[in-house]
Amino acid sequence: MKKDAGVAGIDRGRIDTKITADMPIAEVLEKYPETVDVFTKYFRGGCFACPAARFENISDGASAHGLDVKEILDELNSKVVPASK
């Protein structure tokens, strides 16, 4: 997708961004550093040192920790997808 500064400097390449449950945790952290606080909140920062973060996806991590994956995804996406007005 071509990135276009568009109106008010919005990065049009990120508007359609959506973090999904099947994405590896490490990939999300690398692509979207603004999500660090969400991972810290739910996983107490363990994702940063955990070797499983390279291959474990968000759904697996949430399940392993007894967490609600939808709640985590909603919060992660609120960090990377602009809110609709």
N, C-alpha and C. Protein backbone atom coordinates (compact mmCIF):
# COMPACT_ATOMS: atom_id res chain seq x y z
N MET A 1 0.85 -1.17 0.00
CA MET A 1 0.00 0.00 0.00
C MET A 1 0.89 1.23 0.00
N LYS A 2 0.59 2.17 -0.88
CA LYS A 2 1.36 3.39 -0.97
C LYS A 2 1.05 4.30 0.22
N LYS A 3 2.09 4.85 0.81
CA LYS A 3 1.89 5.77 1.92
C LYS A 3 1.72 7.16 1.37
N ASP A 4 0.73 7.88 1.89
CA ASP A 4 0.40 9.21 1.44
C ASP A 4 0.16 10.06 2.67
N ALA A 5 0.84 11.19 2.76
CA ALA A 5 0.69 12.04 3.94
C ALA A 5 -0.75 12.49 4.11
N GLY A 6 -1.47 12.71 3.02
CA GLY A 6 -2.89 13.04 3.11
C GLY A 6 -3.18 14.29 3.92
N VAL A 7 -4.37 14.35 4.45
CA VAL A 7 -4.83 15.50 5.21
C VAL A 7 -4.20 15.49 6.59
N ALA A 8 -3.75 16.63 7.02
CA ALA A 8 -3.21 16.82 8.37
C ALA A 8 -2.08 15.85 8.70
N GLY A 9 -1.35 15.39 7.68
CA GLY A 9 -0.20 14.54 7.92
C GLY A 9 -0.52 13.12 8.37
N ILE A 10 -1.78 12.68 8.18
CA ILE A 10 -2.14 11.31 8.55
C ILE A 10 -1.45 10.35 7.61
N ASP A 11 -0.82 9.35 8.15
CA ASP A 11 -0.15 8.34 7.35
C ASP A 11 -1.21 7.38 6.83
N ARG A 12 -1.60 7.54 5.59
CA ARG A 12 -2.66 6.73 5.00
C ARG A 12 -2.29 5.25 4.97
N GLY A 13 -1.01 4.91 5.01
CA GLY A 13 -0.58 3.53 5.01
C GLY A 13 -0.94 2.81 6.29
N ARG A 14 -1.27 3.54 7.36
CA ARG A 14 -1.57 2.90 8.63
C ARG A 14 -3.05 2.90 8.95
N ILE A 15 -3.87 3.57 8.17
CA ILE A 15 -5.29 3.64 8.49
C ILE A 15 -5.94 2.26 8.46
N ASP A 16 -5.52 1.40 7.53
CA ASP A 16 -6.11 0.08 7.43
C ASP A 16 -5.40 -0.95 8.31
N THR A 17 -4.45 -0.49 9.09
CA THR A 17 -3.70 -1.38 9.96
C THR A 17 -4.63 -2.02 10.97
N LYS A 18 -4.46 -3.30 11.16
CA LYS A 18 -5.22 -3.99 12.19
C LYS A 18 -4.36 -5.11 12.74
N ILE A 19 -4.19 -5.08 14.04
CA ILE A 19 -3.47 -6.14 14.72
C ILE A 19 -4.45 -7.27 14.93
N THR A 20 -4.05 -8.48 14.59
CA THR A 20 -4.94 -9.63 14.70
C THR A 20 -4.38 -10.66 15.69
N ALA A 21 -5.24 -11.54 16.15
CA ALA A 21 -4.88 -12.53 17.16
C ALA A 21 -3.81 -13.50 16.69
N ASP A 22 -3.69 -13.69 15.39
CA ASP A 22 -2.72 -14.65 14.87
C ASP A 22 -1.34 -14.06 14.61
N MET A 23 -1.16 -12.78 14.90
CA MET A 23 0.15 -12.14 14.70
C MET A 23 1.10 -12.50 15.84
N PRO A 24 2.35 -12.83 15.52
CA PRO A 24 3.33 -13.10 16.57
C PRO A 24 3.56 -11.85 17.43
N ILE A 25 3.69 -12.06 18.72
CA ILE A 25 3.87 -10.95 19.66
C ILE A 25 5.08 -10.11 19.28
N ALA A 26 6.20 -10.75 18.98
CA ALA A 26 7.42 -10.01 18.63
C ALA A 26 7.22 -9.15 17.38
N GLU A 27 6.47 -9.65 16.42
CA GLU A 27 6.20 -8.89 15.19
C GLU A 27 5.42 -7.61 15.52
N VAL A 28 4.43 -7.73 16.37
CA VAL A 28 3.63 -6.56 16.76
C VAL A 28 4.51 -5.54 17.48
N LEU A 29 5.32 -6.02 18.41
CA LEU A 29 6.21 -5.12 19.15
C LEU A 29 7.21 -4.42 18.23
N GLU A 30 7.71 -5.13 17.23
CA GLU A 30 8.66 -4.54 16.29
C GLU A 30 8.00 -3.53 15.37
N LYS A 31 6.83 -3.88 14.84
CA LYS A 31 6.13 -3.00 13.89
C LYS A 31 5.49 -1.80 14.57
N TYR A 32 4.99 -2.02 15.77
CA TYR A 32 4.21 -0.99 16.46
C TYR A 32 4.74 -0.78 17.88
N PRO A 33 5.86 -0.09 18.03
CA PRO A 33 6.43 0.11 19.36
C PRO A 33 5.49 0.85 20.31
N GLU A 34 4.51 1.52 19.76
CA GLU A 34 3.53 2.22 20.61
C GLU A 34 2.63 1.27 21.38
N THR A 35 2.74 -0.04 21.11
CA THR A 35 1.92 -1.03 21.82
C THR A 35 2.62 -1.60 23.06
N VAL A 36 3.84 -1.18 23.32
CA VAL A 36 4.61 -1.72 24.45
C VAL A 36 3.84 -1.64 25.76
N ASP A 37 3.20 -0.51 26.02
CA ASP A 37 2.48 -0.36 27.30
C ASP A 37 1.31 -1.32 27.42
N VAL A 38 0.69 -1.70 26.31
CA VAL A 38 -0.41 -2.67 26.35
C VAL A 38 0.12 -4.05 26.74
N PHE A 39 1.22 -4.45 26.11
CA PHE A 39 1.82 -5.74 26.45
C PHE A 39 2.29 -5.75 27.90
N THR A 40 2.85 -4.64 28.34
CA THR A 40 3.29 -4.55 29.74
C THR A 40 2.11 -4.66 30.69
N LYS A 41 1.01 -4.02 30.35
CA LYS A 41 -0.18 -4.06 31.19
C LYS A 41 -0.72 -5.49 31.35
N TYR A 42 -0.84 -6.21 30.25
CA TYR A 42 -1.45 -7.53 30.29
C TYR A 42 -0.48 -8.66 30.61
N PHE A 43 0.75 -8.53 30.14
CA PHE A 43 1.71 -9.62 30.31
C PHE A 43 2.85 -9.26 31.25
N ARG A 44 2.73 -8.15 31.94
CA ARG A 44 3.71 -7.66 32.90
C ARG A 44 5.13 -7.62 32.34
N GLY A 45 5.26 -7.29 31.09
CA GLY A 45 6.57 -7.11 30.48
C GLY A 45 7.30 -8.38 30.12
N GLY A 46 6.74 -9.53 30.40
CA GLY A 46 7.41 -10.79 30.11
C GLY A 46 7.66 -11.04 28.64
N CYS A 47 6.87 -10.42 27.78
CA CYS A 47 7.01 -10.64 26.34
C CYS A 47 8.36 -10.18 25.82
N PHE A 48 8.95 -9.21 26.48
CA PHE A 48 10.18 -8.62 25.97
C PHE A 48 11.37 -9.57 26.12
N ALA A 49 11.35 -10.43 27.11
CA ALA A 49 12.46 -11.34 27.35
C ALA A 49 12.12 -12.80 27.00
N CYS A 50 10.87 -13.07 26.72
CA CYS A 50 10.42 -14.44 26.48
C CYS A 50 10.80 -14.90 25.07
N PRO A 51 11.54 -16.00 24.96
CA PRO A 51 11.90 -16.50 23.64
C PRO A 51 10.67 -16.92 22.82
N ALA A 52 9.60 -17.29 23.48
CA ALA A 52 8.38 -17.71 22.78
C ALA A 52 7.71 -16.56 22.04
N ALA A 53 8.01 -15.33 22.40
CA ALA A 53 7.39 -14.16 21.76
C ALA A 53 7.68 -14.11 20.26
N ARG A 54 8.75 -14.75 19.82
CA ARG A 54 9.10 -14.77 18.39
C ARG A 54 8.09 -15.57 17.58
N PHE A 55 7.56 -16.64 18.16
CA PHE A 55 6.64 -17.49 17.41
C PHE A 55 5.25 -17.56 18.02
N GLU A 56 5.11 -17.20 19.28
CA GLU A 56 3.80 -17.26 19.93
C GLU A 56 2.95 -16.07 19.49
N ASN A 57 1.73 -16.36 19.07
CA ASN A 57 0.88 -15.25 18.64
C ASN A 57 0.10 -14.69 19.83
N ILE A 58 -0.61 -13.60 19.59
CA ILE A 58 -1.33 -12.92 20.67
C ILE A 58 -2.39 -13.83 21.28
N SER A 59 -3.08 -14.59 20.46
CA SER A 59 -4.11 -15.49 20.95
C SER A 59 -3.52 -16.54 21.89
N ASP A 60 -2.39 -17.15 21.47
CA ASP A 60 -1.73 -18.15 22.31
C ASP A 60 -1.25 -17.56 23.63
N GLY A 61 -0.67 -16.37 23.57
CA GLY A 61 -0.18 -15.70 24.77
C GLY A 61 -1.31 -15.38 25.73
N ALA A 62 -2.41 -14.87 25.19
CA ALA A 62 -3.56 -14.54 26.03
C ALA A 62 -4.12 -15.80 26.68
N SER A 63 -4.23 -16.85 25.90
CA SER A 63 -4.75 -18.12 26.42
C SER A 63 -3.84 -18.68 27.52
N ALA A 64 -2.54 -18.64 27.29
CA ALA A 64 -1.58 -19.16 28.27
C ALA A 64 -1.63 -18.41 29.60
N HIS A 65 -2.04 -17.14 29.53
CA HIS A 65 -2.09 -16.31 30.74
C HIS A 65 -3.52 -16.11 31.26
N GLY A 66 -4.48 -16.80 30.64
CA GLY A 66 -5.87 -16.70 31.08
C GLY A 66 -6.48 -15.32 30.85
N LEU A 67 -6.10 -14.68 29.73
CA LEU A 67 -6.56 -13.33 29.43
C LEU A 67 -7.55 -13.32 28.27
N ASP A 68 -8.34 -12.25 28.20
CA ASP A 68 -9.33 -12.07 27.14
C ASP A 68 -8.65 -11.48 25.90
N VAL A 69 -8.50 -12.27 24.86
CA VAL A 69 -7.80 -11.83 23.66
C VAL A 69 -8.51 -10.66 22.99
N LYS A 70 -9.82 -10.62 23.00
CA LYS A 70 -10.54 -9.52 22.37
C LYS A 70 -10.24 -8.19 23.06
N GLU A 71 -10.19 -8.22 24.38
CA GLU A 71 -9.88 -7.01 25.15
C GLU A 71 -8.47 -6.51 24.80
N ILE A 72 -7.53 -7.43 24.72
CA ILE A 72 -6.15 -7.07 24.38
C ILE A 72 -6.08 -6.50 22.97
N LEU A 73 -6.72 -7.17 22.02
CA LEU A 73 -6.71 -6.70 20.63
C LEU A 73 -7.35 -5.32 20.49
N ASP A 74 -8.46 -5.10 21.20
CA ASP A 74 -9.10 -3.79 21.14
C ASP A 74 -8.15 -2.70 21.60
N GLU A 75 -7.43 -2.98 22.69
CA GLU A 75 -6.51 -1.98 23.22
C GLU A 75 -5.29 -1.80 22.31
N LEU A 76 -4.76 -2.90 21.78
CA LEU A 76 -3.63 -2.80 20.86
C LEU A 76 -4.02 -1.98 19.63
N ASN A 77 -5.17 -2.29 19.05
CA ASN A 77 -5.60 -1.57 17.85
C ASN A 77 -5.92 -0.11 18.11
N SER A 78 -6.34 0.21 19.32
CA SER A 78 -6.60 1.61 19.64
C SER A 78 -5.32 2.42 19.62
N LYS A 79 -4.17 1.75 19.76
CA LYS A 79 -2.88 2.42 19.71
C LYS A 79 -2.40 2.67 18.29
N VAL A 80 -2.86 1.86 17.32
CA VAL A 80 -2.31 1.96 15.97
C VAL A 80 -3.33 2.38 14.91
N VAL A 81 -4.61 2.27 15.20
CA VAL A 81 -5.64 2.64 14.23
C VAL A 81 -6.32 3.90 14.70
N PRO A 82 -6.29 4.95 13.90
CA PRO A 82 -6.96 6.19 14.32
C PRO A 82 -8.43 5.96 14.60
N ALA A 83 -8.93 6.59 15.65
CA ALA A 83 -10.35 6.48 16.02
C ALA A 83 -11.21 7.16 14.98
N SER A 84 -12.37 6.58 14.71
CA SER A 84 -13.33 7.19 13.79
C SER A 84 -13.99 8.37 14.48
N LYS A 85 -14.24 9.39 13.69
CA LYS A 85 -14.90 10.57 14.27
C LYS A 85 -16.36 10.58 13.91
